[in-house]
Amino acid sequence: DACAAAGRDRAEVTMIAVTKTYPAGDVVALAGLGVTDVG
């Protein structure tokens, strides 16, 4: 929605999942859901 409002291509924006304090299992689960970038 933010990209549409700004007139930008959604592919221009990468989401980084910030997993501090969360276990490695959450990272594995997010990767299985298509998340490629973790902070």
PDB file of all heavy atoms in Angstrom:
ATOM      1  N   ASP A   1       0.833  -1.206   0.000  1.00  0.00           N
ATOM      2  CA  ASP A   1       0.000   0.000   0.000  1.00  0.00           C
ATOM      3  C   ASP A   1       0.872   1.261   0.000  1.00  0.00           C
ATOM      4  O   ASP A   1       0.558   2.246  -0.687  1.00  0.00           O
ATOM      5  CB  ASP A   1      -0.920   0.008   1.219  1.00  0.00           C
ATOM      6  CG  ASP A   1      -2.033  -1.031   1.139  1.00  0.00           C
ATOM      7  OD1 ASP A   1      -2.248  -1.586   0.038  1.00  0.00           O
ATOM      8  OD2 ASP A   1      -2.665  -1.288   2.180  1.00  0.00           O
ATOM      9  N   ALA A   2       1.951   1.240   0.767  1.00  0.00           N
ATOM     10  CA  ALA A   2       2.840   2.401   0.816  1.00  0.00           C
ATOM     11  C   ALA A   2       3.511   2.636  -0.528  1.00  0.00           C
ATOM     12  O   ALA A   2       3.662   3.787  -0.966  1.00  0.00           O
ATOM     13  CB  ALA A   2       3.889   2.218   1.913  1.00  0.00           C
ATOM     14  N   CYS A   3       3.910   1.561  -1.190  1.00  0.00           N
ATOM     15  CA  CYS A   3       4.520   1.704  -2.512  1.00  0.00           C
ATOM     16  C   CYS A   3       3.516   2.257  -3.513  1.00  0.00           C
ATOM     17  O   CYS A   3       3.851   3.138  -4.321  1.00  0.00           O
ATOM     18  CB  CYS A   3       5.049   0.345  -2.990  1.00  0.00           C
ATOM     19  SG  CYS A   3       6.544  -0.204  -2.140  1.00  0.00           S
ATOM     20  N   ALA A   4       2.284   1.759  -3.444  1.00  0.00           N
ATOM     21  CA  ALA A   4       1.249   2.261  -4.356  1.00  0.00           C
ATOM     22  C   ALA A   4       0.991   3.746  -4.119  1.00  0.00           C
ATOM     23  O   ALA A   4       0.882   4.532  -5.067  1.00  0.00           O
ATOM     24  CB  ALA A   4      -0.036   1.455  -4.179  1.00  0.00           C
ATOM     25  N   ALA A   5       0.926   4.138  -2.855  1.00  0.00           N
ATOM     26  CA  ALA A   5       0.673   5.545  -2.532  1.00  0.00           C
ATOM     27  C   ALA A   5       1.806   6.445  -2.993  1.00  0.00           C
ATOM     28  O   ALA A   5       1.577   7.599  -3.370  1.00  0.00           O
ATOM     29  CB  ALA A   5       0.455   5.700  -1.032  1.00  0.00           C
ATOM     30  N   ALA A   6       3.028   5.915  -2.984  1.00  0.00           N
ATOM     31  CA  ALA A   6       4.193   6.698  -3.392  1.00  0.00           C
ATOM     32  C   ALA A   6       4.490   6.575  -4.885  1.00  0.00           C
ATOM     33  O   ALA A   6       5.444   7.203  -5.368  1.00  0.00           O
ATOM     34  CB  ALA A   6       5.422   6.251  -2.592  1.00  0.00           C
ATOM     35  N   GLY A   7       3.701   5.785  -5.598  1.00  0.00           N
ATOM     36  CA  GLY A   7       3.946   5.585  -7.020  1.00  0.00           C
ATOM     37  C   GLY A   7       5.211   4.807  -7.304  1.00  0.00           C
ATOM     38  O   GLY A   7       5.868   5.020  -8.330  1.00  0.00           O
ATOM     39  N   ARG A   8       5.551   3.891  -6.385  1.00  0.00           N
ATOM     40  CA  ARG A   8       6.780   3.114  -6.532  1.00  0.00           C
ATOM     41  C   ARG A   8       6.459   1.653  -6.833  1.00  0.00           C
ATOM     42  O   ARG A   8       5.405   1.134  -6.450  1.00  0.00           O
ATOM     43  CB  ARG A   8       7.630   3.199  -5.254  1.00  0.00           C
ATOM     44  CG  ARG A   8       8.097   4.603  -4.937  1.00  0.00           C
ATOM     45  CD  ARG A   8       8.976   4.615  -3.691  1.00  0.00           C
ATOM     46  NE  ARG A   8      10.162   3.763  -3.872  1.00  0.00           N
ATOM     47  CZ  ARG A   8      10.964   3.403  -2.883  1.00  0.00           C
ATOM     48  NH1 ARG A   8      10.707   3.804  -1.646  1.00  0.00           N
ATOM     49  NH2 ARG A   8      12.016   2.646  -3.123  1.00  0.00           N
ATOM     50  N   ASP A   9       7.405   0.992  -7.466  1.00  0.00           N
ATOM     51  CA  ASP A   9       7.293  -0.434  -7.739  1.00  0.00           C
ATOM     52  C   ASP A   9       7.537  -1.194  -6.443  1.00  0.00           C
ATOM     53  O   ASP A   9       8.543  -0.962  -5.759  1.00  0.00           O
ATOM     54  CB  ASP A   9       8.332  -0.819  -8.801  1.00  0.00           C
ATOM     55  CG  ASP A   9       8.252  -2.269  -9.235  1.00  0.00           C
ATOM     56  OD1 ASP A   9       7.626  -3.088  -8.537  1.00  0.00           O
ATOM     57  OD2 ASP A   9       8.844  -2.595 -10.284  1.00  0.00           O
ATOM     58  N   ARG A  10       6.642  -2.113  -6.097  1.00  0.00           N
ATOM     59  CA  ARG A  10       6.808  -2.900  -4.866  1.00  0.00           C
ATOM     60  C   ARG A  10       8.141  -3.637  -4.841  1.00  0.00           C
ATOM     61  O   ARG A  10       8.737  -3.836  -3.765  1.00  0.00           O
ATOM     62  CB  ARG A  10       5.643  -3.889  -4.741  1.00  0.00           C
ATOM     63  CG  ARG A  10       5.789  -4.938  -3.631  1.00  0.00           C
ATOM     64  CD  ARG A  10       5.821  -4.300  -2.267  1.00  0.00           C
ATOM     65  NE  ARG A  10       6.032  -5.272  -1.198  1.00  0.00           N
ATOM     66  CZ  ARG A  10       7.210  -5.721  -0.801  1.00  0.00           C
ATOM     67  NH1 ARG A  10       8.322  -5.282  -1.381  1.00  0.00           N
ATOM     68  NH2 ARG A  10       7.312  -6.593   0.187  1.00  0.00           N
ATOM     69  N   ALA A  11       8.633  -4.021  -5.997  1.00  0.00           N
ATOM     70  CA  ALA A  11       9.887  -4.770  -6.057  1.00  0.00           C
ATOM     71  C   ALA A  11      11.092  -3.937  -5.626  1.00  0.00           C
ATOM     72  O   ALA A  11      12.173  -4.483  -5.385  1.00  0.00           O
ATOM     73  CB  ALA A  11      10.111  -5.310  -7.465  1.00  0.00           C
ATOM     74  N   GLU A  12      10.921  -2.611  -5.511  1.00  0.00           N
ATOM     75  CA  GLU A  12      12.032  -1.748  -5.107  1.00  0.00           C
ATOM     76  C   GLU A  12      12.311  -1.808  -3.608  1.00  0.00           C
ATOM     77  O   GLU A  12      13.349  -1.319  -3.157  1.00  0.00           O
ATOM     78  CB  GLU A  12      11.717  -0.287  -5.461  1.00  0.00           C
ATOM     79  CG  GLU A  12      11.618   0.003  -6.945  1.00  0.00           C
ATOM     80  CD  GLU A  12      11.217   1.452  -7.199  1.00  0.00           C
ATOM     81  OE1 GLU A  12      11.112   2.226  -6.218  1.00  0.00           O
ATOM     82  OE2 GLU A  12      11.024   1.808  -8.368  1.00  0.00           O
ATOM     83  N   VAL A  13      11.396  -2.382  -2.827  1.00  0.00           N
ATOM     84  CA  VAL A  13      11.503  -2.333  -1.363  1.00  0.00           C
ATOM     85  C   VAL A  13      11.677  -3.736  -0.795  1.00  0.00           C
ATOM     86  O   VAL A  13      10.845  -4.613  -1.011  1.00  0.00           O
ATOM     87  CB  VAL A  13      10.270  -1.660  -0.737  1.00  0.00           C
ATOM     88  CG1 VAL A  13      10.388  -1.628   0.787  1.00  0.00           C
ATOM     89  CG2 VAL A  13      10.091  -0.243  -1.286  1.00  0.00           C
ATOM     90  N   THR A  14      12.770  -3.928  -0.053  1.00  0.00           N
ATOM     91  CA  THR A  14      13.060  -5.190   0.618  1.00  0.00           C
ATOM     92  C   THR A  14      12.695  -5.085   2.086  1.00  0.00           C
ATOM     93  O   THR A  14      13.094  -4.138   2.765  1.00  0.00           O
ATOM     94  CB  THR A  14      14.562  -5.531   0.500  1.00  0.00           C
ATOM     95  OG1 THR A  14      14.891  -5.693  -0.875  1.00  0.00           O
ATOM     96  CG2 THR A  14      14.904  -6.805   1.257  1.00  0.00           C
ATOM     97  N   MET A  15      11.942  -6.053   2.575  1.00  0.00           N
ATOM     98  CA  MET A  15      11.638  -6.120   4.000  1.00  0.00           C
ATOM     99  C   MET A  15      12.703  -6.954   4.701  1.00  0.00           C
ATOM    100  O   MET A  15      12.978  -8.089   4.312  1.00  0.00           O
ATOM    101  CB  MET A  15      10.275  -6.764   4.241  1.00  0.00           C
ATOM    102  CG  MET A  15       9.869  -6.748   5.720  1.00  0.00           C
ATOM    103  SD  MET A  15       8.611  -7.978   6.134  1.00  0.00           S
ATOM    104  CE  MET A  15       9.595  -9.485   6.092  1.00  0.00           C
ATOM    105  N   ILE A  16      13.307  -6.378   5.737  1.00  0.00           N
ATOM    106  CA  ILE A  16      14.250  -7.107   6.590  1.00  0.00           C
ATOM    107  C   ILE A  16      13.519  -7.463   7.880  1.00  0.00           C
ATOM    108  O   ILE A  16      13.036  -6.582   8.595  1.00  0.00           O
ATOM    109  CB  ILE A  16      15.486  -6.252   6.906  1.00  0.00           C
ATOM    110  CG1 ILE A  16      16.205  -5.847   5.618  1.00  0.00           C
ATOM    111  CG2 ILE A  16      16.435  -7.000   7.838  1.00  0.00           C
ATOM    112  CD1 ILE A  16      17.289  -4.807   5.831  1.00  0.00           C
ATOM    113  N   ALA A  17      13.415  -8.747   8.171  1.00  0.00           N
ATOM    114  CA  ALA A  17      12.778  -9.209   9.406  1.00  0.00           C
ATOM    115  C   ALA A  17      13.787  -9.105  10.539  1.00  0.00           C
ATOM    116  O   ALA A  17      14.800  -9.800  10.542  1.00  0.00           O
ATOM    117  CB  ALA A  17      12.304 -10.643   9.254  1.00  0.00           C
ATOM    118  N   VAL A  18      13.526  -8.224  11.494  1.00  0.00           N
ATOM    119  CA  VAL A  18      14.457  -8.002  12.607  1.00  0.00           C
ATOM    120  C   VAL A  18      14.094  -8.983  13.723  1.00  0.00           C
ATOM    121  O   VAL A  18      13.069  -8.830  14.388  1.00  0.00           O
ATOM    122  CB  VAL A  18      14.404  -6.550  13.086  1.00  0.00           C
ATOM    123  CG1 VAL A  18      15.389  -6.338  14.236  1.00  0.00           C
ATOM    124  CG2 VAL A  18      14.736  -5.603  11.937  1.00  0.00           C
ATOM    125  N   THR A  19      14.955  -9.975  13.923  1.00  0.00           N
ATOM    126  CA  THR A  19      14.632 -11.097  14.793  1.00  0.00           C
ATOM    127  C   THR A  19      15.380 -11.082  16.120  1.00  0.00           C
ATOM    128  O   THR A  19      15.469 -12.117  16.790  1.00  0.00           O
ATOM    129  CB  THR A  19      14.905 -12.424  14.054  1.00  0.00           C
ATOM    130  OG1 THR A  19      16.263 -12.448  13.595  1.00  0.00           O
ATOM    131  CG2 THR A  19      13.971 -12.580  12.857  1.00  0.00           C
ATOM    132  N   LYS A  20      15.911  -9.943  16.510  1.00  0.00           N
ATOM    133  CA  LYS A  20      16.619  -9.886  17.795  1.00  0.00           C
ATOM    134  C   LYS A  20      15.682 -10.305  18.923  1.00  0.00           C
ATOM    135  O   LYS A  20      14.495  -9.941  18.926  1.00  0.00           O
ATOM    136  CB  LYS A  20      17.172  -8.486  18.048  1.00  0.00           C
ATOM    137  CG  LYS A  20      16.131  -7.392  18.215  1.00  0.00           C
ATOM    138  CD  LYS A  20      16.791  -6.045  18.461  1.00  0.00           C
ATOM    139  CE  LYS A  20      15.741  -4.959  18.660  1.00  0.00           C
ATOM    140  NZ  LYS A  20      16.353  -3.643  18.877  1.00  0.00           N
ATOM    141  N   THR A  21      16.191 -11.076  19.846  1.00  0.00           N
ATOM    142  CA  THR A  21      15.521 -11.684  21.003  1.00  0.00           C
ATOM    143  C   THR A  21      14.626 -12.857  20.630  1.00  0.00           C
ATOM    144  O   THR A  21      14.111 -13.535  21.510  1.00  0.00           O
ATOM    145  CB  THR A  21      14.695 -10.695  21.852  1.00  0.00           C
ATOM    146  OG1 THR A  21      13.472 -10.384  21.191  1.00  0.00           O
ATOM    147  CG2 THR A  21      15.479  -9.427  22.171  1.00  0.00           C
ATOM    148  N   TYR A  22      14.432 -13.123  19.347  1.00  0.00           N
ATOM    149  CA  TYR A  22      13.605 -14.246  18.927  1.00  0.00           C
ATOM    150  C   TYR A  22      14.481 -15.418  18.513  1.00  0.00           C
ATOM    151  O   TYR A  22      15.605 -15.244  18.054  1.00  0.00           O
ATOM    152  CB  TYR A  22      12.681 -13.833  17.777  1.00  0.00           C
ATOM    153  CG  TYR A  22      11.574 -12.931  18.240  1.00  0.00           C
ATOM    154  CD1 TYR A  22      11.664 -11.552  18.080  1.00  0.00           C
ATOM    155  CD2 TYR A  22      10.468 -13.460  18.879  1.00  0.00           C
ATOM    156  CE1 TYR A  22      10.664 -10.725  18.552  1.00  0.00           C
ATOM    157  CE2 TYR A  22       9.457 -12.632  19.348  1.00  0.00           C
ATOM    158  CZ  TYR A  22       9.554 -11.267  19.177  1.00  0.00           C
ATOM    159  OH  TYR A  22       8.562 -10.453  19.647  1.00  0.00           O
ATOM    160  N   PRO A  23      13.973 -16.649  18.652  1.00  0.00           N
ATOM    161  CA  PRO A  23      14.806 -17.828  18.420  1.00  0.00           C
ATOM    162  C   PRO A  23      15.036 -18.120  16.944  1.00  0.00           C
ATOM    163  O   PRO A  23      14.328 -17.613  16.059  1.00  0.00           O
ATOM    164  CB  PRO A  23      14.001 -18.960  19.071  1.00  0.00           C
ATOM    165  CG  PRO A  23      12.575 -18.504  18.978  1.00  0.00           C
ATOM    166  CD  PRO A  23      12.625 -17.007  19.167  1.00  0.00           C
ATOM    167  N   ALA A  24      16.025 -18.977  16.698  1.00  0.00           N
ATOM    168  CA  ALA A  24      16.342 -19.382  15.334  1.00  0.00           C
ATOM    169  C   ALA A  24      15.151 -20.043  14.659  1.00  0.00           C
ATOM    170  O   ALA A  24      14.991 -19.948  13.444  1.00  0.00           O
ATOM    171  CB  ALA A  24      17.543 -20.321  15.348  1.00  0.00           C
ATOM    172  N   GLY A  25      14.305 -20.717  15.439  1.00  0.00           N
ATOM    173  CA  GLY A  25      13.126 -21.345  14.852  1.00  0.00           C
ATOM    174  C   GLY A  25      12.226 -20.361  14.139  1.00  0.00           C
ATOM    175  O   GLY A  25      11.618 -20.686  13.109  1.00  0.00           O
ATOM    176  N   ASP A  26      12.123 -19.134  14.674  1.00  0.00           N
ATOM    177  CA  ASP A  26      11.324 -18.111  13.994  1.00  0.00           C
ATOM    178  C   ASP A  26      11.941 -17.741  12.649  1.00  0.00           C
ATOM    179  O   ASP A  26      11.223 -17.494  11.672  1.00  0.00           O
ATOM    180  CB  ASP A  26      11.196 -16.868  14.866  1.00  0.00           C
ATOM    181  CG  ASP A  26      10.152 -17.017  15.964  1.00  0.00           C
ATOM    182  OD1 ASP A  26       9.533 -18.095  16.066  1.00  0.00           O
ATOM    183  OD2 ASP A  26       9.960 -16.048  16.736  1.00  0.00           O
ATOM    184  N   VAL A  27      13.276 -17.673  12.595  1.00  0.00           N
ATOM    185  CA  VAL A  27      13.941 -17.366  11.326  1.00  0.00           C
ATOM    186  C   VAL A  27      13.665 -18.467  10.307  1.00  0.00           C
ATOM    187  O   VAL A  27      13.353 -18.195   9.139  1.00  0.00           O
ATOM    188  CB  VAL A  27      15.459 -17.198  11.536  1.00  0.00           C
ATOM    189  CG1 VAL A  27      16.149 -16.908  10.210  1.00  0.00           C
ATOM    190  CG2 VAL A  27      15.744 -16.089  12.545  1.00  0.00           C
ATOM    191  N   VAL A  28      13.755 -19.715  10.747  1.00  0.00           N
ATOM    192  CA  VAL A  28      13.495 -20.840   9.847  1.00  0.00           C
ATOM    193  C   VAL A  28      12.054 -20.801   9.346  1.00  0.00           C
ATOM    194  O   VAL A  28      11.778 -21.008   8.156  1.00  0.00           O
ATOM    195  CB  VAL A  28      13.798 -22.173  10.553  1.00  0.00           C
ATOM    196  CG1 VAL A  28      13.341 -23.360   9.715  1.00  0.00           C
ATOM    197  CG2 VAL A  28      15.286 -22.286  10.851  1.00  0.00           C
ATOM    198  N   ALA A  29      11.118 -20.503  10.267  1.00  0.00           N
ATOM    199  CA  ALA A  29       9.716 -20.428   9.857  1.00  0.00           C
ATOM    200  C   ALA A  29       9.481 -19.288   8.872  1.00  0.00           C
ATOM    201  O   ALA A  29       8.769 -19.453   7.868  1.00  0.00           O
ATOM    202  CB  ALA A  29       8.824 -20.256  11.088  1.00  0.00           C
ATOM    203  N   LEU A  30      10.073 -18.135   9.130  1.00  0.00           N
ATOM    204  CA  LEU A  30       9.921 -17.004   8.211  1.00  0.00           C
ATOM    205  C   LEU A  30      10.515 -17.319   6.846  1.00  0.00           C
ATOM    206  O   LEU A  30       9.941 -16.963   5.810  1.00  0.00           O
ATOM    207  CB  LEU A  30      10.589 -15.758   8.807  1.00  0.00           C
ATOM    208  CG  LEU A  30       9.861 -15.106   9.979  1.00  0.00           C
ATOM    209  CD1 LEU A  30      10.759 -14.080  10.661  1.00  0.00           C
ATOM    210  CD2 LEU A  30       8.560 -14.445   9.515  1.00  0.00           C
ATOM    211  N   ALA A  31      11.661 -17.984   6.839  1.00  0.00           N
ATOM    212  CA  ALA A  31      12.254 -18.371   5.554  1.00  0.00           C
ATOM    213  C   ALA A  31      11.311 -19.285   4.783  1.00  0.00           C
ATOM    214  O   ALA A  31      11.175 -19.170   3.560  1.00  0.00           O
ATOM    215  CB  ALA A  31      13.595 -19.049   5.787  1.00  0.00           C
ATOM    216  N   GLY A  32      10.634 -20.183   5.503  1.00  0.00           N
ATOM    217  CA  GLY A  32       9.666 -21.055   4.853  1.00  0.00           C
ATOM    218  C   GLY A  32       8.459 -20.318   4.299  1.00  0.00           C
ATOM    219  O   GLY A  32       7.771 -20.810   3.397  1.00  0.00           O
ATOM    220  N   LEU A  33       8.209 -19.117   4.831  1.00  0.00           N
ATOM    221  CA  LEU A  33       7.119 -18.266   4.350  1.00  0.00           C
ATOM    222  C   LEU A  33       7.578 -17.292   3.264  1.00  0.00           C
ATOM    223  O   LEU A  33       6.818 -16.436   2.836  1.00  0.00           O
ATOM    224  CB  LEU A  33       6.523 -17.484   5.526  1.00  0.00           C
ATOM    225  CG  LEU A  33       5.817 -18.335   6.588  1.00  0.00           C
ATOM    226  CD1 LEU A  33       5.565 -17.510   7.849  1.00  0.00           C
ATOM    227  CD2 LEU A  33       4.503 -18.891   6.049  1.00  0.00           C
ATOM    228  N   GLY A  34       8.826 -17.405   2.854  1.00  0.00           N
ATOM    229  CA  GLY A  34       9.321 -16.580   1.757  1.00  0.00           C
ATOM    230  C   GLY A  34      10.159 -15.393   2.147  1.00  0.00           C
ATOM    231  O   GLY A  34      10.550 -14.592   1.285  1.00  0.00           O
ATOM    232  N   VAL A  35      10.481 -15.240   3.445  1.00  0.00           N
ATOM    233  CA  VAL A  35      11.339 -14.142   3.877  1.00  0.00           C
ATOM    234  C   VAL A  35      12.786 -14.489   3.544  1.00  0.00           C
ATOM    235  O   VAL A  35      13.278 -15.561   3.893  1.00  0.00           O
ATOM    236  CB  VAL A  35      11.180 -13.877   5.388  1.00  0.00           C
ATOM    237  CG1 VAL A  35      12.207 -12.865   5.876  1.00  0.00           C
ATOM    238  CG2 VAL A  35       9.765 -13.384   5.682  1.00  0.00           C
ATOM    239  N   THR A  36      13.470 -13.577   2.885  1.00  0.00           N
ATOM    240  CA  THR A  36      14.846 -13.835   2.449  1.00  0.00           C
ATOM    241  C   THR A  36      15.884 -13.031   3.215  1.00  0.00           C
ATOM    242  O   THR A  36      17.070 -13.364   3.170  1.00  0.00           O
ATOM    243  CB  THR A  36      14.996 -13.509   0.954  1.00  0.00           C
ATOM    244  OG1 THR A  36      14.606 -12.141   0.731  1.00  0.00           O
ATOM    245  CG2 THR A  36      14.127 -14.415   0.099  1.00  0.00           C
ATOM    246  N   ASP A  37      15.456 -11.971   3.917  1.00  0.00           N
ATOM    247  CA  ASP A  37      16.390 -11.047   4.561  1.00  0.00           C
ATOM    248  C   ASP A  37      16.063 -10.925   6.044  1.00  0.00           C
ATOM    249  O   ASP A  37      14.919 -10.643   6.412  1.00  0.00           O
ATOM    250  CB  ASP A  37      16.319  -9.674   3.882  1.00  0.00           C
ATOM    251  CG  ASP A  37      16.824  -9.712   2.452  1.00  0.00           C
ATOM    252  OD1 ASP A  37      16.081 -10.182   1.570  1.00  0.00           O
ATOM    253  OD2 ASP A  37      17.981  -9.313   2.239  1.00  0.00           O
ATOM    254  N   VAL A  38      17.089 -11.118   6.877  1.00  0.00           N
ATOM    255  CA  VAL A  38      16.912 -11.146   8.329  1.00  0.00           C
ATOM    256  C   VAL A  38      17.936 -10.215   8.972  1.00  0.00           C
ATOM    257  O   VAL A  38      19.109 -10.208   8.582  1.00  0.00           O
ATOM    258  CB  VAL A  38      17.089 -12.578   8.866  1.00  0.00           C
ATOM    259  CG1 VAL A  38      17.018 -12.607  10.387  1.00  0.00           C
ATOM    260  CG2 VAL A  38      16.022 -13.504   8.270  1.00  0.00           C
ATOM    261  N   GLY A  39      17.495  -9.431   9.949  1.00  0.00           N
ATOM    262  CA  GLY A  39      18.373  -8.477  10.609  1.00  0.00           C
ATOM    263  C   GLY A  39      18.589  -8.788  12.074  1.00  0.00           C
ATOM    264  O   GLY A  39      17.668  -9.232  12.777  1.00  0.00           O
TER     265      GLY A  39
END
